[in-house]
C-alpha cells in the first residue's frame, strides 16, 4: 500500500478521474483521495490539503496562491490539467521545491462549446426548450448567421478555429487583439480591424484571449456601448475578461441582444447573482473543457506525470511561462 503517502485529485465534479486514467501503479505508492466538490476556502482548505504529498488540480478550479502553497508542508508534486494555469504561484512552488507538471488537452472542446453557445443564443434554444415544456409553441424569432459579422477577440489557436467555422456558416469574420497583426489575420482569411471597429461591427462577438492584467475587463461599459442592440456576446474564455456589472446593465437596458456565457468572475455563481436574473442570457457552468476526449487526455497524462515524478524523471514540467504557440495558444 502507500505507507502513508497520499495523493489528492481535486474538483472531479463528474466523478470520472479514476476511470479516465490508469492509476493502478500510482495506487501502489499513494493512497488516492478524490474530491467531488469544491474545496472549502481559507484555512479549512489548507487543513484539508495539508496531508497530501501530491495533488492533481483541474485547471483553475482550485487556485494555488503562495499562501496556500506555503501552508502545505508535505506537498512535493502539483499536477495541473493543461499546460497553462495562471492560478498557480509558480515562484512559490519553486521556492518550496515543488515540481509542477501539466498535461495535454483537446483544442476542439472549447471551440465546439463556443459554437454551441452562439447557436443557442441566435436561435433561442434554451427559451424555446423551456416554452415547449410549458405548453408554448414558437415564442421567439431566431437570427440567421449567414451573412452576419463574426467578431473574434483573439485570433490564436482557438480563435482561428472559431473563425473557420464562422466562415463555413457564411459569416464575414473580423478580428482584433493587442498582439494581432494584419498579416496574421490575412493568413487566416480574416479581416483585421481596430478594437472599436470590432465592437461596432459585431453581430456576434466571441472572446479568445488569455486573462492577464491588460486583458482584465477588456469588455467594459465603453465597449458594450459600441455594440449593436442586436449583437450577441459570447465568453467561453475567462470570466474577468468581461466587466460583469457593465454586462448586466447592458442586458437590462437592451444595449445588446444576448450574452452567452460559460465563465464568470467567481465560480460557481452565487444563487442570488444578478446574471441569473438578467434578461436574454444563455448560461453554462464552465463546461468548455468537460468532454470525454479532453478528460481522457487530462487524467491519462496526469497519472503518467505522477509515475514519471516518482521515477525521478518528471515530464511535462511547467514553470508558469506561457507555452509557445505550437504547444498552446488561446
C-alpha atoms as a PDB file:
ATOM      1  CA  UNK A   1       0.000   0.000   0.000  1.00  0.00           C
ATOM      2  CA  UNK A   2       1.035   3.628   0.238  1.00  0.00           C
ATOM      3  CA  UNK A   3       2.950   3.639   3.524  1.00  0.00           C
ATOM      4  CA  UNK A   4       1.187   6.856   4.496  1.00  0.00           C
ATOM      5  CA  UNK A   5       1.837   8.729   1.235  1.00  0.00           C
ATOM      6  CA  UNK A   6      -1.277  10.444  -0.085  1.00  0.00           C
ATOM      7  CA  UNK A   7      -2.405  11.958  -3.384  1.00  0.00           C
ATOM      8  CA  UNK A   8      -5.459  14.173  -3.896  1.00  0.00           C
ATOM      9  CA  UNK A   9      -7.424  14.550  -7.123  1.00  0.00           C
ATOM     10  CA  UNK A  10      -9.372  17.808  -6.858  1.00  0.00           C
ATOM     11  CA  UNK A  11     -12.635  19.059  -8.336  1.00  0.00           C
ATOM     12  CA  UNK A  12     -13.660  15.837 -10.054  1.00  0.00           C
ATOM     13  CA  UNK A  13     -17.242  17.074 -10.247  1.00  0.00           C
ATOM     14  CA  UNK A  14     -18.423  14.313 -12.578  1.00  0.00           C
ATOM     15  CA  UNK A  15     -16.568  11.522 -10.777  1.00  0.00           C
ATOM     16  CA  UNK A  16     -14.622  10.396 -13.853  1.00  0.00           C
ATOM     17  CA  UNK A  17     -10.952  10.900 -12.920  1.00  0.00           C
ATOM     18  CA  UNK A  18     -10.133   7.347 -11.922  1.00  0.00           C
ATOM     19  CA  UNK A  19     -11.942   5.854 -14.915  1.00  0.00           C
ATOM     20  CA  UNK A  20     -10.093   8.084 -17.398  1.00  0.00           C
ATOM     21  CA  UNK A  21      -6.542   7.259 -16.364  1.00  0.00           C
ATOM     22  CA  UNK A  22      -4.532   4.208 -15.372  1.00  0.00           C
ATOM     23  CA  UNK A  23      -3.963   4.869 -11.687  1.00  0.00           C
ATOM     24  CA  UNK A  24      -3.058   1.259 -10.767  1.00  0.00           C
ATOM     25  CA  UNK A  25       0.683   1.859 -10.437  1.00  0.00           C
ATOM     26  CA  UNK A  26       0.097   5.210  -8.747  1.00  0.00           C
ATOM     27  CA  UNK A  27      -2.080   3.477  -6.151  1.00  0.00           C
ATOM     28  CA  UNK A  28       0.819   1.163  -5.335  1.00  0.00           C
ATOM     29  CA  UNK A  29       2.636   4.181  -3.878  1.00  0.00           C
ATOM     30  CA  UNK A  30      -0.102   6.635  -2.931  1.00  0.00           C
ATOM     31  CA  UNK A  31      -3.399   6.419  -1.159  1.00  0.00           C
ATOM     32  CA  UNK A  32      -5.630   8.313  -3.624  1.00  0.00           C
ATOM     33  CA  UNK A  33      -8.437  10.564  -2.433  1.00  0.00           C
ATOM     34  CA  UNK A  34     -10.864  12.049  -4.968  1.00  0.00           C
ATOM     35  CA  UNK A  35     -12.692  15.274  -4.134  1.00  0.00           C
ATOM     36  CA  UNK A  36     -16.010  15.565  -5.990  1.00  0.00           C
ATOM     37  CA  UNK A  37     -16.995  19.020  -4.707  1.00  0.00           C
ATOM     38  CA  UNK A  38     -15.478  22.482  -4.334  1.00  0.00           C
ATOM     39  CA  UNK A  39     -12.938  22.670  -1.533  1.00  0.00           C
ATOM     40  CA  UNK A  40     -13.640  24.988   1.400  1.00  0.00           C
ATOM     41  CA  UNK A  41     -11.959  28.386   1.427  1.00  0.00           C
ATOM     42  CA  UNK A  42      -9.138  29.780   3.574  1.00  0.00           C
ATOM     43  CA  UNK A  43      -7.651  27.897   6.498  1.00  0.00           C
ATOM     44  CA  UNK A  44     -10.035  24.981   6.085  1.00  0.00           C
ATOM     45  CA  UNK A  45      -8.693  24.432   2.556  1.00  0.00           C
ATOM     46  CA  UNK A  46      -5.154  24.387   3.923  1.00  0.00           C
ATOM     47  CA  UNK A  47      -6.107  21.865   6.599  1.00  0.00           C
ATOM     48  CA  UNK A  48      -7.859  19.674   4.031  1.00  0.00           C
ATOM     49  CA  UNK A  49      -4.843  19.557   1.701  1.00  0.00           C
ATOM     50  CA  UNK A  50      -2.097  19.501   4.340  1.00  0.00           C
ATOM     51  CA  UNK A  51      -1.699  15.674   4.384  1.00  0.00           C
ATOM     52  CA  UNK A  52      -1.013  15.360   0.662  1.00  0.00           C
ATOM     53  CA  UNK A  53       2.365  14.883  -0.989  1.00  0.00           C
ATOM     54  CA  UNK A  54       0.905  15.067  -4.491  1.00  0.00           C
ATOM     55  CA  UNK A  55      -2.126  16.937  -5.824  1.00  0.00           C
ATOM     56  CA  UNK A  56      -3.841  16.795  -9.209  1.00  0.00           C
ATOM     57  CA  UNK A  57      -5.726  20.041  -9.908  1.00  0.00           C
ATOM     58  CA  UNK A  58      -8.404  20.558 -12.556  1.00  0.00           C
ATOM     59  CA  UNK A  59      -7.388  23.737 -14.367  1.00  0.00           C
ATOM     60  CA  UNK A  60      -8.064  26.864 -12.275  1.00  0.00           C
ATOM     61  CA  UNK A  61     -10.991  25.457 -10.274  1.00  0.00           C
ATOM     62  CA  UNK A  62      -8.846  25.462  -7.115  1.00  0.00           C
ATOM     63  CA  UNK A  63      -6.226  28.253  -7.183  1.00  0.00           C
ATOM     64  CA  UNK A  64      -2.824  27.693  -5.595  1.00  0.00           C
ATOM     65  CA  UNK A  65      -1.549  31.104  -4.482  1.00  0.00           C
ATOM     66  CA  UNK A  66       1.613  31.428  -2.420  1.00  0.00           C
ATOM     67  CA  UNK A  67      -0.283  31.455   0.881  1.00  0.00           C
ATOM     68  CA  UNK A  68      -1.870  28.079   0.163  1.00  0.00           C
ATOM     69  CA  UNK A  69       1.328  26.543  -1.204  1.00  0.00           C
ATOM     70  CA  UNK A  70       3.285  27.688   1.849  1.00  0.00           C
ATOM     71  CA  UNK A  71       0.683  26.124   4.138  1.00  0.00           C
ATOM     72  CA  UNK A  72       1.100  22.624   2.679  1.00  0.00           C
ATOM     73  CA  UNK A  73       4.212  21.151   4.332  1.00  0.00           C
ATOM     74  CA  UNK A  74       4.086  17.764   2.597  1.00  0.00           C
ATOM     75  CA  UNK A  75       3.354  18.918  -0.943  1.00  0.00           C
ATOM     76  CA  UNK A  76       6.059  17.923  -3.434  1.00  0.00           C
ATOM     77  CA  UNK A  77       4.173  17.455  -6.718  1.00  0.00           C
ATOM     78  CA  UNK A  78       1.390  19.580  -8.191  1.00  0.00           C
ATOM     79  CA  UNK A  79      -0.141  18.424 -11.481  1.00  0.00           C
ATOM     80  CA  UNK A  80      -2.455  20.735 -13.404  1.00  0.00           C
ATOM     81  CA  UNK A  81      -4.596  19.601 -16.289  1.00  0.00           C
ATOM     82  CA  UNK A  82      -3.477  21.583 -19.300  1.00  0.00           C
ATOM     83  CA  UNK A  83      -0.095  23.225 -19.743  1.00  0.00           C
ATOM     84  CA  UNK A  84      -1.111  26.737 -18.707  1.00  0.00           C
ATOM     85  CA  UNK A  85      -2.529  27.562 -15.281  1.00  0.00           C
ATOM     86  CA  UNK A  86      -2.270  31.160 -14.092  1.00  0.00           C
ATOM     87  CA  UNK A  87      -3.879  30.337 -10.744  1.00  0.00           C
ATOM     88  CA  UNK A  88      -0.701  28.588  -9.565  1.00  0.00           C
ATOM     89  CA  UNK A  89       2.029  30.721  -7.991  1.00  0.00           C
ATOM     90  CA  UNK A  90       4.958  29.059  -9.715  1.00  0.00           C
ATOM     91  CA  UNK A  91       7.553  31.148  -7.883  1.00  0.00           C
ATOM     92  CA  UNK A  92       6.196  29.957  -4.542  1.00  0.00           C
ATOM     93  CA  UNK A  93       6.193  26.374  -5.791  1.00  0.00           C
ATOM     94  CA  UNK A  94       9.793  26.657  -6.984  1.00  0.00           C
ATOM     95  CA  UNK A  95      10.857  28.211  -3.694  1.00  0.00           C
ATOM     96  CA  UNK A  96       9.372  25.250  -1.859  1.00  0.00           C
ATOM     97  CA  UNK A  97      10.935  22.726  -4.221  1.00  0.00           C
ATOM     98  CA  UNK A  98       7.549  21.621  -5.523  1.00  0.00           C
ATOM     99  CA  UNK A  99       7.501  20.185  -9.053  1.00  0.00           C
ATOM    100  CA  UNK A 100       4.625  21.438 -11.211  1.00  0.00           C
ATOM    101  CA  UNK A 101       3.610  19.331 -14.213  1.00  0.00           C
ATOM    102  CA  UNK A 102       0.900  19.700 -16.833  1.00  0.00           C
ATOM    103  CA  UNK A 103      -0.971  17.651 -19.376  1.00  0.00           C
ATOM    104  CA  UNK A 104      -2.144  17.928 -22.938  1.00  0.00           C
ATOM    105  CA  UNK A 105      -5.670  18.986 -23.793  1.00  0.00           C
ATOM    106  CA  UNK A 106      -8.207  18.910 -26.603  1.00  0.00           C
ATOM    107  CA  UNK A 107      -8.314  22.134 -28.641  1.00  0.00           C
ATOM    108  CA  UNK A 108     -11.678  21.122 -30.077  1.00  0.00           C
ATOM    109  CA  UNK A 109     -13.623  21.081 -26.813  1.00  0.00           C
ATOM    110  CA  UNK A 110     -13.783  24.850 -26.121  1.00  0.00           C
ATOM    111  CA  UNK A 111     -14.279  25.632 -29.811  1.00  0.00           C
ATOM    112  CA  UNK A 112     -17.308  23.359 -30.029  1.00  0.00           C
ATOM    113  CA  UNK A 113     -18.749  24.811 -26.813  1.00  0.00           C
ATOM    114  CA  UNK A 114     -18.300  28.319 -28.228  1.00  0.00           C
ATOM    115  CA  UNK A 115     -20.399  27.386 -31.231  1.00  0.00           C
ATOM    116  CA  UNK A 116     -22.982  25.654 -29.058  1.00  0.00           C
ATOM    117  CA  UNK A 117     -23.369  28.959 -27.188  1.00  0.00           C
ATOM    118  CA  UNK A 118     -23.537  31.003 -30.407  1.00  0.00           C
ATOM    119  CA  UNK A 119     -26.228  28.799 -31.899  1.00  0.00           C
ATOM    120  CA  UNK A 120     -28.166  28.567 -28.642  1.00  0.00           C
ATOM    121  CA  UNK A 121     -28.214  32.362 -28.392  1.00  0.00           C
ATOM    122  CA  UNK A 122     -29.030  33.004 -32.052  1.00  0.00           C
ATOM    123  CA  UNK A 123     -31.925  30.502 -32.131  1.00  0.00           C
ATOM    124  CA  UNK A 124     -33.142  30.961 -28.518  1.00  0.00           C
ATOM    125  CA  UNK A 125     -32.669  27.266 -27.794  1.00  0.00           C
ATOM    126  CA  UNK A 126     -32.972  27.478 -24.001  1.00  0.00           C
ATOM    127  CA  UNK A 127     -36.083  29.682 -24.101  1.00  0.00           C
ATOM    128  CA  UNK A 128     -37.791  27.579 -26.768  1.00  0.00           C
ATOM    129  CA  UNK A 129     -36.985  24.348 -24.915  1.00  0.00           C
ATOM    130  CA  UNK A 130     -38.500  25.787 -21.737  1.00  0.00           C
ATOM    131  CA  UNK A 131     -41.511  27.020 -23.718  1.00  0.00           C
ATOM    132  CA  UNK A 132     -42.265  23.600 -25.206  1.00  0.00           C
ATOM    133  CA  UNK A 133     -42.165  22.073 -21.723  1.00  0.00           C
ATOM    134  CA  UNK A 134     -44.648  24.722 -20.557  1.00  0.00           C
ATOM    135  CA  UNK A 135     -47.078  24.098 -23.411  1.00  0.00           C
ATOM    136  CA  UNK A 136     -45.963  27.055 -25.553  1.00  0.00           C
ATOM    137  CA  UNK A 137     -45.112  26.951 -29.255  1.00  0.00           C
ATOM    138  CA  UNK A 138     -42.799  29.178 -31.346  1.00  0.00           C
ATOM    139  CA  UNK A 139     -42.389  32.124 -28.983  1.00  0.00           C
ATOM    140  CA  UNK A 140     -39.263  33.712 -30.492  1.00  0.00           C
ATOM    141  CA  UNK A 141     -37.826  34.690 -33.869  1.00  0.00           C
ATOM    142  CA  UNK A 142     -34.307  33.409 -34.384  1.00  0.00           C
ATOM    143  CA  UNK A 143     -31.341  35.053 -36.085  1.00  0.00           C
ATOM    144  CA  UNK A 144     -29.661  33.575 -39.167  1.00  0.00           C
ATOM    145  CA  UNK A 145     -25.893  33.686 -39.019  1.00  0.00           C
ATOM    146  CA  UNK A 146     -25.264  33.549 -42.752  1.00  0.00           C
ATOM    147  CA  UNK A 147     -24.121  36.969 -43.961  1.00  0.00           C
ATOM    148  CA  UNK A 148     -23.633  38.300 -40.449  1.00  0.00           C
ATOM    149  CA  UNK A 149     -20.328  39.524 -38.974  1.00  0.00           C
ATOM    150  CA  UNK A 150     -18.447  37.326 -36.519  1.00  0.00           C
ATOM    151  CA  UNK A 151     -16.028  39.382 -34.419  1.00  0.00           C
ATOM    152  CA  UNK A 152     -13.225  37.345 -32.852  1.00  0.00           C
ATOM    153  CA  UNK A 153     -11.322  38.974 -29.998  1.00  0.00           C
ATOM    154  CA  UNK A 154      -8.105  36.977 -30.049  1.00  0.00           C
ATOM    155  CA  UNK A 155      -7.060  35.031 -33.154  1.00  0.00           C
ATOM    156  CA  UNK A 156      -4.826  32.397 -31.589  1.00  0.00           C
ATOM    157  CA  UNK A 157      -5.254  28.654 -31.940  1.00  0.00           C
ATOM    158  CA  UNK A 158      -8.815  28.581 -30.612  1.00  0.00           C
ATOM    159  CA  UNK A 159      -9.841  31.866 -32.207  1.00  0.00           C
ATOM    160  CA  UNK A 160      -8.704  30.678 -35.632  1.00  0.00           C
ATOM    161  CA  UNK A 161     -10.783  27.508 -35.329  1.00  0.00           C
ATOM    162  CA  UNK A 162     -13.830  29.516 -34.290  1.00  0.00           C
ATOM    163  CA  UNK A 163     -13.223  31.826 -37.264  1.00  0.00           C
ATOM    164  CA  UNK A 164     -13.056  28.927 -39.731  1.00  0.00           C
ATOM    165  CA  UNK A 165     -16.393  27.595 -38.529  1.00  0.00           C
ATOM    166  CA  UNK A 166     -17.878  31.069 -38.852  1.00  0.00           C
ATOM    167  CA  UNK A 167     -16.663  31.216 -42.419  1.00  0.00           C
ATOM    168  CA  UNK A 168     -18.292  27.822 -43.070  1.00  0.00           C
ATOM    169  CA  UNK A 169     -21.578  29.335 -41.852  1.00  0.00           C
ATOM    170  CA  UNK A 170     -21.147  32.066 -44.450  1.00  0.00           C
ATOM    171  CA  UNK A 171     -20.242  34.749 -41.920  1.00  0.00           C
ATOM    172  CA  UNK A 172     -17.809  37.572 -42.536  1.00  0.00           C
ATOM    173  CA  UNK A 173     -15.096  37.301 -39.890  1.00  0.00           C
ATOM    174  CA  UNK A 174     -13.205  40.228 -38.383  1.00  0.00           C
ATOM    175  CA  UNK A 175     -10.646  40.111 -35.585  1.00  0.00           C
ATOM    176  CA  UNK A 176      -8.594  42.206 -33.204  1.00  0.00           C
ATOM    177  CA  UNK A 177      -6.353  41.757 -30.177  1.00  0.00           C
ATOM    178  CA  UNK A 178      -3.413  43.652 -28.743  1.00  0.00           C
ATOM    179  CA  UNK A 179      -0.972  41.181 -30.350  1.00  0.00           C
ATOM    180  CA  UNK A 180      -2.741  40.572 -33.638  1.00  0.00           C
ATOM    181  CA  UNK A 181      -1.241  41.948 -36.846  1.00  0.00           C
ATOM    182  CA  UNK A 182      -2.961  42.476 -40.207  1.00  0.00           C
ATOM    183  CA  UNK A 183      -0.611  39.880 -41.710  1.00  0.00           C
ATOM    184  CA  UNK A 184      -1.613  37.164 -39.222  1.00  0.00           C
ATOM    185  CA  UNK A 185      -5.274  37.963 -39.733  1.00  0.00           C
ATOM    186  CA  UNK A 186      -4.881  37.746 -43.504  1.00  0.00           C
ATOM    187  CA  UNK A 187      -3.233  34.333 -43.174  1.00  0.00           C
ATOM    188  CA  UNK A 188      -6.458  33.112 -41.554  1.00  0.00           C
ATOM    189  CA  UNK A 189      -8.617  34.775 -44.211  1.00  0.00           C
ATOM    190  CA  UNK A 190      -9.889  37.224 -41.603  1.00  0.00           C
ATOM    191  CA  UNK A 191     -10.229  41.000 -41.795  1.00  0.00           C
ATOM    192  CA  UNK A 192      -8.070  42.865 -39.274  1.00  0.00           C
ATOM    193  CA  UNK A 193      -9.881  45.786 -37.626  1.00  0.00           C
ATOM    194  CA  UNK A 194      -9.369  48.189 -34.745  1.00  0.00           C
ATOM    195  CA  UNK A 195     -10.745  47.428 -31.300  1.00  0.00           C
ATOM    196  CA  UNK A 196     -13.519  49.996 -31.691  1.00  0.00           C
ATOM    197  CA  UNK A 197     -14.481  48.662 -35.108  1.00  0.00           C
ATOM    198  CA  UNK A 198     -14.555  45.114 -33.757  1.00  0.00           C
ATOM    199  CA  UNK A 199     -17.261  46.044 -31.250  1.00  0.00           C
ATOM    200  CA  UNK A 200     -19.203  48.333 -33.579  1.00  0.00           C
ATOM    201  CA  UNK A 201     -19.477  45.843 -36.437  1.00  0.00           C
ATOM    202  CA  UNK A 202     -20.031  42.658 -34.438  1.00  0.00           C
ATOM    203  CA  UNK A 203     -23.236  40.709 -34.867  1.00  0.00           C
ATOM    204  CA  UNK A 204     -21.613  38.006 -32.751  1.00  0.00           C
ATOM    205  CA  UNK A 205     -18.585  38.829 -30.591  1.00  0.00           C
ATOM    206  CA  UNK A 206     -16.602  35.944 -29.104  1.00  0.00           C
ATOM    207  CA  UNK A 207     -13.579  36.136 -26.778  1.00  0.00           C
ATOM    208  CA  UNK A 208     -10.440  34.020 -27.128  1.00  0.00           C
ATOM    209  CA  UNK A 209      -7.634  35.754 -25.225  1.00  0.00           C
ATOM    210  CA  UNK A 210      -5.823  34.789 -22.046  1.00  0.00           C
ATOM    211  CA  UNK A 211      -6.592  36.510 -18.777  1.00  0.00           C
ATOM    212  CA  UNK A 212      -3.811  38.932 -17.870  1.00  0.00           C
ATOM    213  CA  UNK A 213      -3.525  42.418 -16.446  1.00  0.00           C
ATOM    214  CA  UNK A 214      -4.006  44.132 -19.801  1.00  0.00           C
ATOM    215  CA  UNK A 215      -6.993  41.951 -20.762  1.00  0.00           C
ATOM    216  CA  UNK A 216      -8.889  42.004 -17.475  1.00  0.00           C
ATOM    217  CA  UNK A 217     -12.124  43.892 -18.117  1.00  0.00           C
ATOM    218  CA  UNK A 218     -11.291  44.241 -21.810  1.00  0.00           C
ATOM    219  CA  UNK A 219     -15.041  44.236 -22.416  1.00  0.00           C
ATOM    220  CA  UNK A 220     -16.449  47.001 -20.240  1.00  0.00           C
ATOM    221  CA  UNK A 221     -19.196  49.601 -20.337  1.00  0.00           C
ATOM    222  CA  UNK A 222     -17.462  51.594 -23.093  1.00  0.00           C
ATOM    223  CA  UNK A 223     -17.065  48.558 -25.366  1.00  0.00           C
ATOM    224  CA  UNK A 224     -20.596  47.315 -24.738  1.00  0.00           C
ATOM    225  CA  UNK A 225     -21.947  50.757 -25.600  1.00  0.00           C
ATOM    226  CA  UNK A 226     -20.297  50.459 -29.024  1.00  0.00           C
ATOM    227  CA  UNK A 227     -22.155  47.245 -29.874  1.00  0.00           C
ATOM    228  CA  UNK A 228     -25.348  46.897 -31.860  1.00  0.00           C
ATOM    229  CA  UNK A 229     -28.557  46.342 -29.854  1.00  0.00           C
ATOM    230  CA  UNK A 230     -28.959  43.140 -31.905  1.00  0.00           C
ATOM    231  CA  UNK A 231     -25.472  41.805 -31.065  1.00  0.00           C
ATOM    232  CA  UNK A 232     -24.639  38.606 -29.190  1.00  0.00           C
ATOM    233  CA  UNK A 233     -21.688  38.446 -26.768  1.00  0.00           C
ATOM    234  CA  UNK A 234     -20.084  35.038 -26.169  1.00  0.00           C
ATOM    235  CA  UNK A 235     -17.482  34.332 -23.487  1.00  0.00           C
ATOM    236  CA  UNK A 236     -16.157  30.810 -23.019  1.00  0.00           C
ATOM    237  CA  UNK A 237     -12.614  32.007 -22.225  1.00  0.00           C
ATOM    238  CA  UNK A 238     -12.298  33.593 -18.757  1.00  0.00           C
ATOM    239  CA  UNK A 239     -14.928  35.412 -16.731  1.00  0.00           C
ATOM    240  CA  UNK A 240     -12.952  38.512 -15.710  1.00  0.00           C
ATOM    241  CA  UNK A 241     -12.369  39.436 -19.354  1.00  0.00           C
ATOM    242  CA  UNK A 242     -15.850  40.948 -19.157  1.00  0.00           C
ATOM    243  CA  UNK A 243     -16.986  43.521 -16.600  1.00  0.00           C
ATOM    244  CA  UNK A 244     -19.952  41.624 -15.169  1.00  0.00           C
ATOM    245  CA  UNK A 245     -21.665  44.686 -13.709  1.00  0.00           C
ATOM    246  CA  UNK A 246     -21.416  46.506 -17.039  1.00  0.00           C
ATOM    247  CA  UNK A 247     -22.698  43.426 -18.862  1.00  0.00           C
ATOM    248  CA  UNK A 248     -25.733  43.031 -16.597  1.00  0.00           C
ATOM    249  CA  UNK A 249     -26.527  46.727 -17.037  1.00  0.00           C
ATOM    250  CA  UNK A 250     -26.263  46.401 -20.824  1.00  0.00           C
ATOM    251  CA  UNK A 251     -28.601  43.405 -20.824  1.00  0.00           C
ATOM    252  CA  UNK A 252     -31.123  45.067 -18.535  1.00  0.00           C
ATOM    253  CA  UNK A 253     -31.186  48.191 -20.708  1.00  0.00           C
ATOM    254  CA  UNK A 254     -31.319  46.274 -24.002  1.00  0.00           C
ATOM    255  CA  UNK A 255     -27.980  47.619 -25.233  1.00  0.00           C
ATOM    256  CA  UNK A 256     -27.115  44.159 -26.573  1.00  0.00           C
ATOM    257  CA  UNK A 257     -29.440  41.330 -27.523  1.00  0.00           C
ATOM    258  CA  UNK A 258     -27.928  38.415 -25.613  1.00  0.00           C
ATOM    259  CA  UNK A 259     -24.947  37.195 -23.600  1.00  0.00           C
ATOM    260  CA  UNK A 260     -23.950  33.529 -23.813  1.00  0.00           C
ATOM    261  CA  UNK A 261     -21.504  32.725 -21.017  1.00  0.00           C
ATOM    262  CA  UNK A 262     -19.604  29.682 -19.799  1.00  0.00           C
ATOM    263  CA  UNK A 263     -17.259  31.512 -17.410  1.00  0.00           C
ATOM    264  CA  UNK A 264     -17.701  34.001 -14.568  1.00  0.00           C
ATOM    265  CA  UNK A 265     -15.763  36.204 -12.153  1.00  0.00           C
ATOM    266  CA  UNK A 266     -16.461  33.851  -9.239  1.00  0.00           C
ATOM    267  CA  UNK A 267     -17.456  30.235  -9.758  1.00  0.00           C
ATOM    268  CA  UNK A 268     -19.868  28.697  -9.082  1.00  0.00           C
ATOM    269  CA  UNK A 269     -22.355  31.530  -9.450  1.00  0.00           C
ATOM    270  CA  UNK A 270     -23.983  32.559  -6.191  1.00  0.00           C
ATOM    271  CA  UNK A 271     -27.726  31.729  -6.022  1.00  0.00           C
ATOM    272  CA  UNK A 272     -28.574  35.443  -5.979  1.00  0.00           C
ATOM    273  CA  UNK A 273     -26.154  36.512  -8.715  1.00  0.00           C
ATOM    274  CA  UNK A 274     -27.506  39.284 -10.956  1.00  0.00           C
ATOM    275  CA  UNK A 275     -26.704  37.304 -14.112  1.00  0.00           C
ATOM    276  CA  UNK A 276     -29.263  34.694 -13.095  1.00  0.00           C
ATOM    277  CA  UNK A 277     -31.971  37.369 -13.240  1.00  0.00           C
ATOM    278  CA  UNK A 278     -30.650  39.265 -16.252  1.00  0.00           C
ATOM    279  CA  UNK A 279     -32.732  39.006 -19.431  1.00  0.00           C
ATOM    280  CA  UNK A 280     -31.576  37.269 -22.605  1.00  0.00           C
ATOM    281  CA  UNK A 281     -28.781  35.076 -21.323  1.00  0.00           C
ATOM    282  CA  UNK A 282     -27.533  31.573 -22.024  1.00  0.00           C
ATOM    283  CA  UNK A 283     -25.533  30.349 -19.026  1.00  0.00           C
ATOM    284  CA  UNK A 284     -23.500  27.138 -18.769  1.00  0.00           C
ATOM    285  CA  UNK A 285     -21.362  26.033 -15.782  1.00  0.00           C
ATOM    286  CA  UNK A 286     -17.831  26.286 -17.236  1.00  0.00           C
ATOM    287  CA  UNK A 287     -18.179  23.161 -19.361  1.00  0.00           C
ATOM    288  CA  UNK A 288     -15.918  24.234 -22.222  1.00  0.00           C
ATOM    289  CA  UNK A 289     -13.329  21.639 -21.197  1.00  0.00           C
ATOM    290  CA  UNK A 290     -15.624  18.913 -19.886  1.00  0.00           C
ATOM    291  CA  UNK A 291     -15.701  16.420 -22.747  1.00  0.00           C
ATOM    292  CA  UNK A 292     -14.927  12.712 -22.869  1.00  0.00           C
ATOM    293  CA  UNK A 293     -11.931  13.204 -25.154  1.00  0.00           C
ATOM    294  CA  UNK A 294     -10.467  16.036 -23.095  1.00  0.00           C
ATOM    295  CA  UNK A 295     -10.847  14.239 -19.781  1.00  0.00           C
ATOM    296  CA  UNK A 296      -9.231  11.139 -21.278  1.00  0.00           C
ATOM    297  CA  UNK A 297      -6.149  13.209 -22.092  1.00  0.00           C
ATOM    298  CA  UNK A 298      -6.176  15.086 -18.787  1.00  0.00           C
ATOM    299  CA  UNK A 299      -6.292  12.110 -16.469  1.00  0.00           C
ATOM    300  CA  UNK A 300      -4.235   9.679 -18.543  1.00  0.00           C
ATOM    301  CA  UNK A 301      -1.373  12.154 -18.673  1.00  0.00           C
ATOM    302  CA  UNK A 302      -1.827  13.240 -15.045  1.00  0.00           C
ATOM    303  CA  UNK A 303      -1.244   9.633 -13.964  1.00  0.00           C
ATOM    304  CA  UNK A 304       1.784   9.495 -16.269  1.00  0.00           C
ATOM    305  CA  UNK A 305       3.121  12.696 -14.687  1.00  0.00           C
ATOM    306  CA  UNK A 306       2.885  11.196 -11.208  1.00  0.00           C
ATOM    307  CA  UNK A 307       4.672   7.986 -12.230  1.00  0.00           C
ATOM    308  CA  UNK A 308       7.446   9.879 -14.022  1.00  0.00           C
ATOM    309  CA  UNK A 309       7.968  12.068 -10.949  1.00  0.00           C
ATOM    310  CA  UNK A 310       8.127   9.007  -8.714  1.00  0.00           C
ATOM    311  CA  UNK A 311      10.780   7.580 -11.065  1.00  0.00           C
ATOM    312  CA  UNK A 312      12.850  10.756 -10.641  1.00  0.00           C
ATOM    313  CA  UNK A 313      12.362  11.939 -14.230  1.00  0.00           C
ATOM    314  CA  UNK A 314       9.444  14.415 -14.263  1.00  0.00           C
ATOM    315  CA  UNK A 315       7.759  15.056 -17.605  1.00  0.00           C
ATOM    316  CA  UNK A 316       5.703  17.990 -18.887  1.00  0.00           C
ATOM    317  CA  UNK A 317       7.180  20.290 -16.240  1.00  0.00           C
ATOM    318  CA  UNK A 318       5.703  23.796 -16.357  1.00  0.00           C
ATOM    319  CA  UNK A 319       7.158  26.975 -14.870  1.00  0.00           C
ATOM    320  CA  UNK A 320       4.336  29.456 -15.310  1.00  0.00           C
ATOM    321  CA  UNK A 321       5.659  30.924 -18.529  1.00  0.00           C
ATOM    322  CA  UNK A 322       3.227  30.933 -21.417  1.00  0.00           C
ATOM    323  CA  UNK A 323       3.922  27.972 -23.747  1.00  0.00           C
ATOM    324  CA  UNK A 324       4.882  28.618 -27.329  1.00  0.00           C
ATOM    325  CA  UNK A 325       2.120  28.916 -29.911  1.00  0.00           C
ATOM    326  CA  UNK A 326       2.902  25.427 -31.145  1.00  0.00           C
ATOM    327  CA  UNK A 327       2.167  23.975 -27.716  1.00  0.00           C
ATOM    328  CA  UNK A 328      -0.678  26.181 -26.639  1.00  0.00           C
ATOM    329  CA  UNK A 329      -2.359  29.336 -27.770  1.00  0.00           C
ATOM    330  CA  UNK A 330      -5.778  30.768 -26.907  1.00  0.00           C
END
